[in-house]
Amino acid sequence: MLGPVLRLLAIILGFALFSLSSAEAAPRAEAWPRWERHDPASTLVVDHDAWDRFLTDHLVTADGIHRLAYDKVSGEARHRLTAYIERLAAAPVDRLARDEQRAFWINLYNALTVKTVLDHYPVKSIRDIRISPGLFSSGPWGRKLIRVAGEEISLDDIEHRILRPLWRDPRLHYALNCASLGCPNLMRAAFTASNTEALLEEAARAFVSHPRGARLEGGKLIVSSIYVWFREDFGGGDSGIVEHLRHYGAVLDGRTRIDGDAYDWALNDAR
C-alpha cells in the first residue's frame, strides 16, 4: 500500500522542484500580435504626472539602491495611484506612436507592481504574493491584473509578450522593476517618449556599476541572475554579457566569462 503512495509523493515532489526551477528561467519573448498596432504620425501624449509625483514622494536611496517607503504611502496616495492606473487602462494605446507606447508600458508595469505590493503589504518578498495561476506558482506575474483596450493583461504579458519582443532592447531590463533589492532601480521619474532613451542609459550604467549588477569576488566574475535568466537578450552567451557590462562601465579586469550569478529577492522596502 505504501508503494503507490510513495510513488505519488515522489511525482508531486519532482513536479514541484521542476516548477520551482522553471520559475527561475525567463519566459521566451513571444510577441502578442494584437499590440503591434500603433500610429507613427500620432501626437497623442499620455499624462504620467501622477506617477512622477508618487515616485518623488516615496522613493529613498540607500547603498545605491532605490527603496520604496511602502509603509508611508497614505490612503490618498494609494487612491491617486489607482486612479492613474485606471487612466492608463482607458488610454487609446493603439493610437499612440511607438515611443509613447514604450513609455506607457514601462510605467504601467512599474505602477502595477507597486500597487500589487501595497495591496498585500507587509510582505518580505514579492514572491510571497502567490496570486499567479498554477499550483506551485510564485509571485504575481502571471495574474491578469488589468484590462487594456479590452484585453486582460498580466505583468508577464507586458514584459514578455509586449516590451521584450516588440522593442528587442536589453536595456528594458533596467527599466522594469520587480520590487526586489536585486532588481535594477525603480527610477525616480516617470518614463516619457522624450526621456526614455536617457533614462534607459542612466539605469543601465547605475545597475552595471553596482555590486548587485556585476562584481569581482575572489577573482571570479559574479553577475546578476538577470543576465543568466535573459541570456538571449544580452547576446546569448558569456561573451555578449561581458561585452554589454564593459560597454556600461563595469571594471572586469580582463574577465571573459561568468563564474556565477546571484539575486536578492528581498522586498525593496525603505523600512
Protein backbone atom coordinates (compact mmCIF):
# COMPACT_ATOMS: atom_id res chain seq x y z
CA MET A 1 0.00 0.00 0.00
CA LEU A 2 2.86 2.35 0.77
CA GLY A 3 4.40 1.77 -2.66
CA PRO A 4 1.79 3.69 -4.70
CA VAL A 5 1.62 6.45 -2.08
CA LEU A 6 5.39 6.93 -2.10
CA ARG A 7 5.46 6.97 -5.90
CA LEU A 8 2.70 9.60 -5.94
CA LEU A 9 4.61 11.71 -3.40
CA ALA A 10 7.76 11.38 -5.49
CA ILE A 11 5.90 12.54 -8.59
CA ILE A 12 4.42 15.51 -6.75
CA LEU A 13 7.82 16.44 -5.28
CA GLY A 14 9.51 16.13 -8.66
CA PHE A 15 6.88 18.33 -10.28
CA ALA A 16 7.25 20.90 -7.52
CA LEU A 17 11.03 21.01 -7.91
CA PHE A 18 10.65 21.31 -11.68
CA SER A 19 8.20 24.17 -11.25
CA LEU A 20 10.49 25.97 -8.82
CA SER A 21 13.48 25.66 -11.13
CA SER A 22 11.35 26.73 -14.10
CA ALA A 23 10.27 29.81 -12.16
CA GLU A 24 13.89 30.99 -12.22
CA ALA A 25 14.08 30.65 -16.01
CA ALA A 26 12.95 33.53 -18.18
CA PRO A 27 9.83 33.12 -20.30
CA ARG A 28 10.54 33.42 -24.00
CA ALA A 29 9.94 36.76 -25.70
CA GLU A 30 6.99 35.93 -27.93
CA ALA A 31 5.08 38.85 -29.42
CA TRP A 32 1.35 39.26 -28.87
CA PRO A 33 0.45 40.49 -32.39
CA ARG A 34 -2.54 42.43 -31.10
CA TRP A 35 -0.15 45.00 -29.55
CA GLU A 36 1.80 45.68 -32.72
CA ARG A 37 -0.77 48.32 -33.68
CA HIS A 38 0.46 51.90 -33.45
CA ASP A 39 0.23 55.23 -35.25
CA PRO A 40 3.60 56.63 -36.37
CA ALA A 41 2.03 60.02 -37.05
CA SER A 42 0.26 60.29 -33.70
CA THR A 43 0.84 63.33 -31.50
CA LEU A 44 -1.19 61.92 -28.60
CA VAL A 45 0.61 62.09 -25.26
CA VAL A 46 -0.22 60.10 -22.11
CA ASP A 47 -0.05 62.08 -18.86
CA HIS A 48 2.30 60.39 -16.35
CA ASP A 49 2.48 63.28 -13.87
CA ALA A 50 0.68 61.31 -11.14
CA TRP A 51 3.25 58.50 -11.32
CA ASP A 52 6.06 61.05 -11.38
CA ARG A 53 4.72 62.61 -8.18
CA PHE A 54 4.29 59.23 -6.48
CA LEU A 55 7.93 58.33 -7.19
CA THR A 56 9.18 61.70 -5.95
CA ASP A 57 7.22 61.35 -2.72
CA HIS A 58 8.05 57.74 -1.82
CA LEU A 59 11.47 56.70 -3.15
CA VAL A 60 14.55 56.89 -0.94
CA THR A 61 18.12 55.81 -1.69
CA ALA A 62 20.36 53.64 0.49
CA ASP A 63 23.60 51.97 -0.63
CA GLY A 64 22.89 52.90 -4.23
CA ILE A 65 19.51 51.12 -4.21
CA HIS A 66 16.25 53.00 -4.65
CA ARG A 67 13.84 51.75 -2.00
CA LEU A 68 10.16 52.49 -1.67
CA ALA A 69 8.61 53.61 1.61
CA TYR A 70 5.59 51.32 1.35
CA ASP A 71 4.58 51.92 4.95
CA LYS A 72 4.49 55.69 4.34
CA VAL A 73 2.07 55.54 1.40
CA SER A 74 -1.11 57.24 2.60
CA GLY A 75 -4.63 56.27 1.68
CA GLU A 76 -4.83 59.35 -0.53
CA ALA A 77 -1.61 58.40 -2.33
CA ARG A 78 -2.97 54.90 -2.93
CA HIS A 79 -6.15 56.41 -4.34
CA ARG A 80 -4.16 58.60 -6.73
CA LEU A 81 -2.03 55.62 -7.80
CA THR A 82 -5.14 53.54 -8.52
CA ALA A 83 -6.70 56.42 -10.44
CA TYR A 84 -3.52 56.79 -12.51
CA ILE A 85 -3.52 53.09 -13.41
CA GLU A 86 -7.19 53.30 -14.35
CA ARG A 87 -6.43 56.24 -16.65
CA LEU A 88 -3.70 54.21 -18.32
CA ALA A 89 -6.14 51.33 -18.81
CA ALA A 90 -8.50 53.73 -20.61
CA ALA A 91 -5.81 55.30 -22.81
CA PRO A 92 -6.04 54.80 -26.61
CA VAL A 93 -2.82 52.79 -26.68
CA ASP A 94 -3.39 51.56 -30.27
CA ARG A 95 -3.37 55.16 -31.49
CA LEU A 96 -0.09 56.11 -29.85
CA ALA A 97 3.29 56.43 -31.57
CA ARG A 98 5.84 53.72 -30.76
CA ASP A 99 7.94 55.85 -28.37
CA GLU A 100 4.83 56.87 -26.47
CA GLN A 101 3.74 53.23 -26.26
CA ARG A 102 7.10 52.15 -24.85
CA ALA A 103 6.87 54.69 -22.01
CA PHE A 104 3.24 53.71 -21.46
CA TRP A 105 4.00 50.01 -20.97
CA ILE A 106 7.06 50.61 -18.76
CA ASN A 107 5.15 52.93 -16.43
CA LEU A 108 2.12 50.63 -16.34
CA TYR A 109 4.31 47.66 -15.40
CA ASN A 110 6.04 49.53 -12.59
CA ALA A 111 2.89 51.18 -11.24
CA LEU A 112 1.02 47.85 -11.26
CA THR A 113 3.91 46.18 -9.45
CA VAL A 114 3.91 48.83 -6.71
CA LYS A 115 0.13 48.68 -6.37
CA THR A 116 0.23 44.89 -6.09
CA VAL A 117 2.81 45.05 -3.31
CA LEU A 118 0.80 47.72 -1.49
CA ASP A 119 -2.35 45.59 -1.78
CA HIS A 120 -0.56 42.73 0.06
CA TYR A 121 1.82 44.69 2.29
CA PRO A 122 3.57 43.85 4.54
CA VAL A 123 5.47 41.07 2.75
CA LYS A 124 9.13 40.10 2.86
CA SER A 125 9.33 39.41 -0.86
CA ILE A 126 7.17 39.95 -3.92
CA ARG A 127 7.42 36.20 -4.47
CA ASP A 128 5.30 35.76 -1.34
CA ILE A 129 2.36 37.32 -3.22
CA ARG A 130 1.27 33.99 -4.66
CA ILE A 131 -1.64 35.05 -6.83
CA SER A 132 -0.40 33.73 -10.18
CA PRO A 133 -2.29 30.73 -11.59
CA GLY A 134 -0.73 27.33 -11.03
CA LEU A 135 -0.34 25.02 -8.05
CA PHE A 136 3.32 25.87 -7.47
CA SER A 137 3.23 29.46 -8.74
CA SER A 138 5.28 32.18 -7.10
CA GLY A 139 4.67 35.90 -7.21
CA PRO A 140 2.01 37.94 -9.01
CA TRP A 141 3.46 37.99 -12.53
CA GLY A 142 1.07 35.55 -14.18
CA ARG A 143 -2.13 37.02 -12.74
CA LYS A 144 -4.31 39.12 -15.06
CA LEU A 145 -4.29 42.43 -13.19
CA ILE A 146 -5.83 44.92 -15.60
CA ARG A 147 -7.87 45.24 -18.79
CA VAL A 148 -6.32 47.43 -21.51
CA ALA A 149 -8.17 48.05 -24.78
CA GLY A 150 -10.44 45.12 -23.99
CA GLU A 151 -7.61 42.67 -23.23
CA GLU A 152 -6.82 41.15 -19.84
CA ILE A 153 -3.16 41.85 -19.12
CA SER A 154 -0.62 40.41 -16.67
CA LEU A 155 2.83 41.67 -15.75
CA ASP A 156 4.29 38.74 -17.69
CA ASP A 157 2.27 39.83 -20.73
CA ILE A 158 3.69 43.35 -20.56
CA GLU A 159 7.28 42.19 -20.20
CA HIS A 160 7.49 39.04 -22.31
CA ARG A 161 4.73 39.48 -24.90
CA ILE A 162 4.89 43.23 -25.49
CA LEU A 163 8.05 45.08 -24.45
CA ARG A 164 10.77 42.46 -24.98
CA PRO A 165 9.58 41.08 -28.33
CA LEU A 166 8.42 44.37 -29.87
CA TRP A 167 11.41 46.53 -28.89
CA ARG A 168 14.21 43.94 -28.64
CA ASP A 169 16.22 46.19 -26.32
CA PRO A 170 18.14 44.60 -23.40
CA ARG A 171 18.05 47.95 -21.58
CA LEU A 172 14.37 47.34 -20.88
CA HIS A 173 15.51 45.02 -18.08
CA TYR A 174 16.85 48.10 -16.32
CA ALA A 175 13.51 49.89 -16.66
CA LEU A 176 11.16 47.23 -15.29
CA ASN A 177 11.23 46.94 -11.51
CA CYS A 178 10.12 43.80 -9.66
CA ALA A 179 10.16 45.36 -6.17
CA SER A 180 13.30 43.49 -5.09
CA LEU A 181 16.70 44.57 -3.81
CA GLY A 182 18.37 42.57 -6.57
CA CYS A 183 16.39 44.34 -9.27
CA PRO A 184 17.54 47.44 -11.17
CA ASN A 185 16.36 50.62 -9.53
CA LEU A 186 12.84 51.91 -9.81
CA MET A 187 13.68 55.21 -11.49
CA ARG A 188 12.87 58.47 -9.75
CA ALA A 189 10.98 59.85 -12.76
CA ALA A 190 8.20 58.51 -14.92
CA PHE A 191 9.24 57.41 -18.40
CA THR A 192 8.06 59.57 -21.28
CA ALA A 193 8.59 59.49 -25.03
CA SER A 194 11.16 62.26 -24.68
CA ASN A 195 13.20 60.96 -21.74
CA THR A 196 13.12 57.16 -22.17
CA GLU A 197 16.43 56.89 -24.01
CA ALA A 198 18.24 58.96 -21.38
CA LEU A 199 16.62 57.05 -18.50
CA LEU A 200 17.47 53.66 -20.04
CA GLU A 201 21.13 54.68 -20.36
CA GLU A 202 21.18 56.07 -16.81
CA ALA A 203 19.54 52.95 -15.39
CA ALA A 204 21.91 50.61 -17.25
CA ARG A 205 25.03 52.38 -16.02
CA ALA A 206 23.74 52.58 -12.45
CA PHE A 207 22.98 48.86 -12.28
CA VAL A 208 26.10 47.62 -14.04
CA SER A 209 28.34 49.72 -11.78
CA HIS A 210 26.63 48.46 -8.61
CA PRO A 211 27.80 45.19 -6.98
CA ARG A 212 24.38 43.60 -7.47
CA GLY A 213 24.83 44.07 -11.23
CA ALA A 214 28.39 42.78 -11.57
CA ARG A 215 31.30 42.33 -9.18
CA LEU A 216 34.64 40.60 -8.90
CA GLU A 217 34.71 38.30 -5.87
CA GLY A 218 37.77 36.22 -5.12
CA GLY A 219 38.95 36.67 -8.69
CA LYS A 220 35.61 35.45 -10.05
CA LEU A 221 33.01 37.42 -12.00
CA ILE A 222 29.64 37.28 -10.27
CA VAL A 223 26.75 38.88 -12.16
CA SER A 224 23.09 39.50 -11.52
CA SER A 225 20.96 36.47 -12.31
CA ILE A 226 19.07 38.73 -14.72
CA TYR A 227 21.90 38.22 -17.20
CA VAL A 228 21.59 34.44 -16.87
CA TRP A 229 17.78 34.29 -16.96
CA PHE A 230 17.69 36.58 -20.00
CA ARG A 231 20.92 35.44 -21.60
CA GLU A 232 19.40 35.56 -25.10
CA ASP A 233 18.64 39.28 -24.68
CA PHE A 234 22.30 40.00 -23.92
CA GLY A 235 23.86 38.22 -26.86
CA GLY A 236 23.17 34.60 -25.97
CA GLY A 237 26.41 33.79 -24.14
CA ASP A 238 29.08 34.94 -21.72
CA SER A 239 30.89 37.00 -24.34
CA GLY A 240 27.79 39.03 -25.12
CA ILE A 241 27.05 39.66 -21.46
CA VAL A 242 30.67 40.65 -20.70
CA GLU A 243 30.72 43.00 -23.69
CA HIS A 244 27.46 44.57 -22.51
CA LEU A 245 28.82 45.02 -18.98
CA ARG A 246 32.00 46.64 -20.25
CA HIS A 247 30.02 48.97 -22.51
CA TYR A 248 28.16 50.29 -19.48
CA GLY A 249 31.23 50.81 -17.35
CA ALA A 250 31.89 47.57 -15.48
CA VAL A 251 35.54 47.05 -14.47
CA LEU A 252 36.16 43.36 -15.13
CA ASP A 253 39.97 43.07 -15.00
CA GLY A 254 40.14 41.10 -18.23
CA ARG A 255 37.44 38.59 -17.33
CA THR A 256 35.86 36.96 -20.39
CA ARG A 257 33.43 34.54 -18.78
CA ILE A 258 30.88 34.49 -15.98
CA ASP A 259 31.72 32.43 -12.91
CA GLY A 260 28.44 32.75 -11.01
CA ASP A 261 25.27 34.71 -10.52
CA ALA A 262 23.19 35.99 -7.62
CA TYR A 263 19.92 37.79 -6.96
CA ASP A 264 18.30 39.19 -3.81
CA TRP A 265 14.52 38.73 -3.76
CA ALA A 266 14.03 40.69 -0.52
CA LEU A 267 11.47 43.48 -0.90
CA ASN A 268 12.92 46.89 -1.84
CA ASP A 269 11.36 48.30 1.31
CA ALA A 270 12.72 51.52 2.81
CA ARG A 271 11.54 50.48 6.27
